[in-house]
Amino acid sequence: MSVHTPNARDAALQRLSRANRWLIAGSLVLTGVLSDVAANAFAGKTIKSSSAAKRGAPSSSPGSSTPSRPLSPPAQAPRASESPPASESSPSQEQAPSPEAPPPAVSGGS
């Protein structure tokens, strides 16, 4: 059985540390190279600008018919309707409940 000195252990730890640094640096470089190859192999489409866009005039895409302006909040918040829309009613619910009947209870679940 061989006896290892503390100096041999420290030298081995330094070699391992240096090898780990080289492996990390190499993996980062390889990741960059592979991402560059993938970006060039699967290039996206380039949208060519019109002469109006070069002059600073607003342009819209060919498929859009709405003007491009920022959205503004509504003047009043929407209110809940008292009865469901006609499309959601079923044939078995043809009779409306009487006005004196209390509303059905809703369970909270918690």
N, C-alpha and C. Protein backbone atom coordinates (compact mmCIF):
# COMPACT_ATOMS: atom_id res chain seq x y z
N MET A 1 0.84 -1.17 0.00
CA MET A 1 0.00 0.00 0.00
C MET A 1 0.89 1.24 0.00
N SER A 2 0.58 2.17 -0.93
CA SER A 2 1.42 3.36 -1.04
C SER A 2 0.90 4.46 -0.11
N VAL A 3 1.81 5.24 0.34
CA VAL A 3 1.48 6.33 1.25
C VAL A 3 1.47 7.62 0.44
N HIS A 4 0.38 8.38 0.53
CA HIS A 4 0.27 9.64 -0.20
C HIS A 4 0.58 10.79 0.75
N THR A 5 1.39 11.67 0.28
CA THR A 5 1.77 12.82 1.09
C THR A 5 0.75 13.94 0.89
N PRO A 6 0.69 14.87 1.81
CA PRO A 6 -0.22 16.00 1.64
C PRO A 6 0.09 16.83 0.39
N ASN A 7 1.36 16.90 0.01
CA ASN A 7 1.72 17.66 -1.19
C ASN A 7 1.17 16.99 -2.45
N ALA A 8 1.18 15.66 -2.48
CA ALA A 8 0.64 14.94 -3.63
C ALA A 8 -0.87 15.15 -3.71
N ARG A 9 -1.52 15.14 -2.56
CA ARG A 9 -2.96 15.38 -2.55
C ARG A 9 -3.29 16.79 -3.04
N ASP A 10 -2.54 17.80 -2.59
CA ASP A 10 -2.78 19.19 -3.03
C ASP A 10 -2.53 19.34 -4.52
N ALA A 11 -1.51 18.68 -5.05
CA ALA A 11 -1.22 18.76 -6.48
C ALA A 11 -2.34 18.12 -7.29
N ALA A 12 -2.87 16.99 -6.81
CA ALA A 12 -3.97 16.33 -7.51
C ALA A 12 -5.23 17.19 -7.48
N LEU A 13 -5.51 17.85 -6.36
CA LEU A 13 -6.66 18.74 -6.29
C LEU A 13 -6.52 19.93 -7.23
N GLN A 14 -5.30 20.45 -7.37
CA GLN A 14 -5.06 21.55 -8.30
C GLN A 14 -5.28 21.10 -9.74
N ARG A 15 -4.82 19.89 -10.07
CA ARG A 15 -5.04 19.37 -11.43
C ARG A 15 -6.52 19.18 -11.71
N LEU A 16 -7.27 18.65 -10.74
CA LEU A 16 -8.71 18.48 -10.91
C LEU A 16 -9.42 19.83 -11.06
N SER A 17 -9.00 20.80 -10.27
CA SER A 17 -9.60 22.13 -10.36
C SER A 17 -9.35 22.76 -11.73
N ARG A 18 -8.12 22.62 -12.22
CA ARG A 18 -7.77 23.16 -13.53
C ARG A 18 -8.54 22.43 -14.64
N ALA A 19 -8.68 21.12 -14.52
CA ALA A 19 -9.43 20.36 -15.52
C ALA A 19 -10.91 20.76 -15.52
N ASN A 20 -11.48 20.97 -14.34
CA ASN A 20 -12.88 21.41 -14.26
C ASN A 20 -13.06 22.78 -14.93
N ARG A 21 -12.14 23.69 -14.70
CA ARG A 21 -12.24 25.02 -15.33
C ARG A 21 -12.17 24.91 -16.84
N TRP A 22 -11.28 24.06 -17.36
CA TRP A 22 -11.17 23.90 -18.80
C TRP A 22 -12.43 23.26 -19.38
N LEU A 23 -12.99 22.29 -18.66
CA LEU A 23 -14.23 21.65 -19.14
C LEU A 23 -15.39 22.64 -19.15
N ILE A 24 -15.51 23.48 -18.15
CA ILE A 24 -16.58 24.47 -18.11
C ILE A 24 -16.41 25.49 -19.23
N ALA A 25 -15.19 25.99 -19.42
CA ALA A 25 -14.94 26.95 -20.49
C ALA A 25 -15.20 26.32 -21.86
N GLY A 26 -14.78 25.08 -22.04
CA GLY A 26 -15.01 24.40 -23.31
C GLY A 26 -16.48 24.18 -23.59
N SER A 27 -17.26 23.84 -22.56
CA SER A 27 -18.69 23.64 -22.76
C SER A 27 -19.38 24.95 -23.11
N LEU A 28 -18.95 26.05 -22.52
CA LEU A 28 -19.53 27.34 -22.88
C LEU A 28 -19.22 27.72 -24.33
N VAL A 29 -17.98 27.49 -24.75
CA VAL A 29 -17.60 27.79 -26.14
C VAL A 29 -18.37 26.90 -27.10
N LEU A 30 -18.48 25.62 -26.79
CA LEU A 30 -19.20 24.69 -27.64
C LEU A 30 -20.69 25.06 -27.73
N THR A 31 -21.27 25.50 -26.63
CA THR A 31 -22.66 25.95 -26.64
C THR A 31 -22.84 27.16 -27.55
N GLY A 32 -21.91 28.11 -27.47
CA GLY A 32 -21.98 29.28 -28.33
C GLY A 32 -21.84 28.93 -29.80
N VAL A 33 -20.92 28.02 -30.11
CA VAL A 33 -20.72 27.63 -31.51
C VAL A 33 -21.97 26.91 -32.03
N LEU A 34 -22.52 25.99 -31.25
CA LEU A 34 -23.71 25.26 -31.70
C LEU A 34 -24.92 26.19 -31.86
N SER A 35 -25.08 27.17 -30.98
CA SER A 35 -26.20 28.09 -31.12
C SER A 35 -26.02 28.98 -32.34
N ASP A 36 -24.78 29.35 -32.67
CA ASP A 36 -24.52 30.14 -33.87
C ASP A 36 -24.81 29.32 -35.12
N VAL A 37 -24.42 28.05 -35.12
CA VAL A 37 -24.70 27.19 -36.27
C VAL A 37 -26.21 27.01 -36.45
N ALA A 38 -26.93 26.80 -35.34
CA ALA A 38 -28.38 26.62 -35.42
C ALA A 38 -29.07 27.89 -35.88
N ALA A 39 -28.59 29.04 -35.43
CA ALA A 39 -29.21 30.31 -35.84
C ALA A 39 -29.01 30.55 -37.33
N ASN A 40 -27.87 30.17 -37.86
CA ASN A 40 -27.63 30.38 -39.29
C ASN A 40 -28.29 29.31 -40.14
N ALA A 41 -28.47 28.12 -39.61
CA ALA A 41 -29.09 27.05 -40.37
C ALA A 41 -30.60 27.26 -40.48
N PHE A 42 -31.23 27.77 -39.44
CA PHE A 42 -32.68 27.96 -39.41
C PHE A 42 -32.99 29.44 -39.28
N ALA A 43 -32.57 30.20 -40.27
CA ALA A 43 -32.77 31.64 -40.22
C ALA A 43 -34.24 31.98 -40.37
N GLY A 44 -34.69 33.01 -39.69
CA GLY A 44 -36.08 33.47 -39.79
C GLY A 44 -36.28 34.33 -41.02
N LYS A 45 -37.52 34.73 -41.23
CA LYS A 45 -37.84 35.57 -42.38
C LYS A 45 -37.52 37.02 -42.06
N THR A 46 -37.02 37.73 -43.05
CA THR A 46 -36.74 39.14 -42.90
C THR A 46 -37.90 39.92 -43.52
N ILE A 47 -38.48 40.83 -42.75
CA ILE A 47 -39.57 41.65 -43.25
C ILE A 47 -38.95 42.89 -43.87
N LYS A 48 -39.19 43.07 -45.17
CA LYS A 48 -38.64 44.23 -45.85
C LYS A 48 -39.54 45.42 -45.59
N SER A 49 -38.94 46.54 -45.26
CA SER A 49 -39.72 47.73 -44.95
C SER A 49 -40.07 48.47 -46.24
N SER A 50 -41.21 49.15 -46.20
CA SER A 50 -41.63 49.92 -47.35
C SER A 50 -41.02 51.32 -47.28
N SER A 51 -41.15 52.07 -48.34
CA SER A 51 -40.57 53.41 -48.36
C SER A 51 -41.29 54.33 -47.38
N ALA A 52 -42.58 54.07 -47.10
CA ALA A 52 -43.31 54.90 -46.15
C ALA A 52 -42.77 54.72 -44.74
N ALA A 53 -42.37 53.52 -44.40
CA ALA A 53 -41.83 53.27 -43.07
C ALA A 53 -40.46 53.92 -42.92
N LYS A 54 -39.72 54.02 -44.01
CA LYS A 54 -38.40 54.66 -43.94
C LYS A 54 -38.54 56.15 -43.67
N ARG A 55 -39.63 56.76 -44.17
CA ARG A 55 -39.84 58.18 -43.97
C ARG A 55 -40.41 58.50 -42.60
N GLY A 56 -40.80 57.49 -41.83
CA GLY A 56 -41.32 57.72 -40.50
C GLY A 56 -42.83 57.70 -40.44
N ALA A 57 -43.50 57.44 -41.55
CA ALA A 57 -44.96 57.37 -41.56
C ALA A 57 -45.39 56.07 -40.92
N PRO A 58 -46.50 56.08 -40.17
CA PRO A 58 -46.95 54.82 -39.56
C PRO A 58 -47.42 53.85 -40.63
N SER A 59 -47.06 52.61 -40.45
CA SER A 59 -47.47 51.58 -41.41
C SER A 59 -48.19 50.48 -40.66
N SER A 60 -49.06 49.80 -41.34
CA SER A 60 -49.76 48.68 -40.74
C SER A 60 -49.50 47.45 -41.59
N SER A 61 -49.61 46.30 -40.97
CA SER A 61 -49.38 45.07 -41.71
C SER A 61 -50.53 44.86 -42.68
N PRO A 62 -50.32 44.13 -43.76
CA PRO A 62 -51.35 43.97 -44.77
C PRO A 62 -52.63 43.33 -44.26
N GLY A 63 -52.55 42.46 -43.26
CA GLY A 63 -53.73 41.77 -42.78
C GLY A 63 -54.52 42.53 -41.73
N SER A 64 -53.99 43.59 -41.17
CA SER A 64 -54.69 44.27 -40.10
C SER A 64 -55.51 45.43 -40.64
N SER A 65 -56.73 45.56 -40.15
CA SER A 65 -57.58 46.66 -40.59
C SER A 65 -57.82 47.64 -39.47
N THR A 66 -57.34 47.36 -38.25
CA THR A 66 -57.53 48.27 -37.14
C THR A 66 -56.33 49.18 -37.00
N PRO A 67 -56.54 50.43 -36.62
CA PRO A 67 -55.41 51.33 -36.44
C PRO A 67 -54.58 50.90 -35.24
N SER A 68 -53.32 51.21 -35.28
CA SER A 68 -52.45 50.82 -34.17
C SER A 68 -52.34 52.00 -33.21
N ARG A 69 -53.19 51.98 -32.18
CA ARG A 69 -53.13 52.99 -31.15
C ARG A 69 -53.25 52.28 -29.81
N PRO A 70 -52.78 52.88 -28.75
CA PRO A 70 -52.80 52.19 -27.46
C PRO A 70 -54.23 51.99 -26.96
N LEU A 71 -54.40 50.93 -26.19
CA LEU A 71 -55.71 50.62 -25.63
C LEU A 71 -56.00 51.55 -24.46
N SER A 72 -57.25 51.90 -24.28
CA SER A 72 -57.65 52.74 -23.16
C SER A 72 -58.68 51.96 -22.34
N PRO A 73 -58.76 52.22 -21.04
CA PRO A 73 -59.72 51.49 -20.21
C PRO A 73 -61.14 51.93 -20.53
N PRO A 74 -62.14 51.08 -20.27
CA PRO A 74 -63.52 51.46 -20.54
C PRO A 74 -63.98 52.54 -19.57
N ALA A 75 -64.99 53.29 -19.96
CA ALA A 75 -65.50 54.36 -19.11
C ALA A 75 -66.16 53.79 -17.86
N GLN A 76 -66.82 52.63 -18.00
CA GLN A 76 -67.49 52.02 -16.86
C GLN A 76 -67.23 50.52 -16.89
N ALA A 77 -67.06 49.94 -15.72
CA ALA A 77 -66.81 48.51 -15.62
C ALA A 77 -68.05 47.74 -16.04
N PRO A 78 -67.89 46.56 -16.65
CA PRO A 78 -69.07 45.78 -17.05
C PRO A 78 -69.81 45.27 -15.83
N ARG A 79 -71.13 45.14 -15.97
CA ARG A 79 -71.96 44.64 -14.87
C ARG A 79 -72.42 43.23 -15.19
N ALA A 80 -72.66 42.45 -14.16
CA ALA A 80 -73.16 41.09 -14.33
C ALA A 80 -74.62 41.16 -14.73
N SER A 81 -75.02 40.32 -15.67
CA SER A 81 -76.41 40.32 -16.10
C SER A 81 -77.26 39.54 -15.11
N GLU A 82 -78.54 39.89 -15.05
CA GLU A 82 -79.45 39.25 -14.11
C GLU A 82 -79.86 37.85 -14.58
N SER A 83 -79.97 37.64 -15.88
CA SER A 83 -80.38 36.35 -16.39
C SER A 83 -79.36 35.86 -17.41
N PRO A 84 -79.21 34.54 -17.57
CA PRO A 84 -78.24 34.04 -18.55
C PRO A 84 -78.70 34.34 -19.97
N PRO A 85 -77.79 34.41 -20.91
CA PRO A 85 -78.17 34.65 -22.30
C PRO A 85 -79.06 33.53 -22.81
N ALA A 86 -79.84 33.82 -23.84
CA ALA A 86 -80.80 32.85 -24.38
C ALA A 86 -80.09 31.62 -24.93
N SER A 87 -78.88 31.76 -25.42
CA SER A 87 -78.18 30.62 -26.00
C SER A 87 -77.76 29.61 -24.95
N GLU A 88 -77.65 30.02 -23.68
CA GLU A 88 -77.21 29.11 -22.63
C GLU A 88 -78.39 28.46 -21.91
N SER A 89 -79.63 28.89 -22.14
CA SER A 89 -80.75 28.30 -21.43
C SER A 89 -81.09 26.95 -22.04
N SER A 90 -81.51 26.04 -21.20
CA SER A 90 -81.87 24.71 -21.67
C SER A 90 -83.39 24.60 -21.72
N PRO A 91 -83.94 23.64 -22.47
CA PRO A 91 -85.40 23.50 -22.58
C PRO A 91 -86.07 23.20 -21.25
N SER A 92 -85.38 22.57 -20.31
CA SER A 92 -86.00 22.24 -19.03
C SER A 92 -86.14 23.45 -18.13
N GLN A 93 -85.50 24.57 -18.45
CA GLN A 93 -85.55 25.77 -17.63
C GLN A 93 -86.43 26.83 -18.30
N GLU A 94 -87.55 26.42 -18.88
CA GLU A 94 -88.40 27.37 -19.59
C GLU A 94 -89.13 28.28 -18.62
N GLN A 95 -89.49 27.83 -17.43
CA GLN A 95 -90.20 28.66 -16.48
C GLN A 95 -89.20 29.43 -15.63
N ALA A 96 -89.43 30.71 -15.50
CA ALA A 96 -88.56 31.55 -14.68
C ALA A 96 -88.98 31.42 -13.22
N PRO A 97 -88.03 31.49 -12.27
CA PRO A 97 -88.41 31.42 -10.86
C PRO A 97 -89.21 32.66 -10.47
N SER A 98 -90.03 32.51 -9.45
CA SER A 98 -90.85 33.63 -9.00
C SER A 98 -89.97 34.70 -8.38
N PRO A 99 -90.38 35.97 -8.44
CA PRO A 99 -89.56 37.05 -7.88
C PRO A 99 -89.38 36.93 -6.37
N GLU A 100 -90.34 36.27 -5.65
CA GLU A 100 -90.21 36.16 -4.20
C GLU A 100 -89.24 35.07 -3.77
N ALA A 101 -88.86 34.18 -4.66
CA ALA A 101 -87.99 33.07 -4.29
C ALA A 101 -86.57 33.59 -4.05
N PRO A 102 -85.92 33.10 -3.00
CA PRO A 102 -84.53 33.55 -2.74
C PRO A 102 -83.59 32.98 -3.80
N PRO A 103 -82.48 33.65 -4.05
CA PRO A 103 -81.53 33.13 -5.04
C PRO A 103 -80.90 31.85 -4.53
N PRO A 104 -80.48 30.96 -5.43
CA PRO A 104 -79.87 29.70 -4.98
C PRO A 104 -78.54 29.97 -4.28
N ALA A 105 -78.25 29.14 -3.28
CA ALA A 105 -77.02 29.29 -2.51
C ALA A 105 -75.85 28.78 -3.33
N VAL A 106 -74.71 29.46 -3.22
CA VAL A 106 -73.49 29.07 -3.92
C VAL A 106 -72.48 28.64 -2.88
N SER A 107 -71.96 27.43 -3.02
CA SER A 107 -70.98 26.96 -2.05
C SER A 107 -69.60 27.47 -2.41
N GLY A 108 -68.86 27.92 -1.43
CA GLY A 108 -67.53 28.47 -1.64
C GLY A 108 -66.47 27.41 -1.83
N GLY A 109 -66.61 26.27 -1.27
CA GLY A 109 -65.65 25.20 -1.46
C GLY A 109 -64.48 25.24 -0.48
N SER A 110 -64.31 26.32 0.30
CA SER A 110 -63.18 26.32 1.24
C SER A 110 -63.61 26.65 2.63
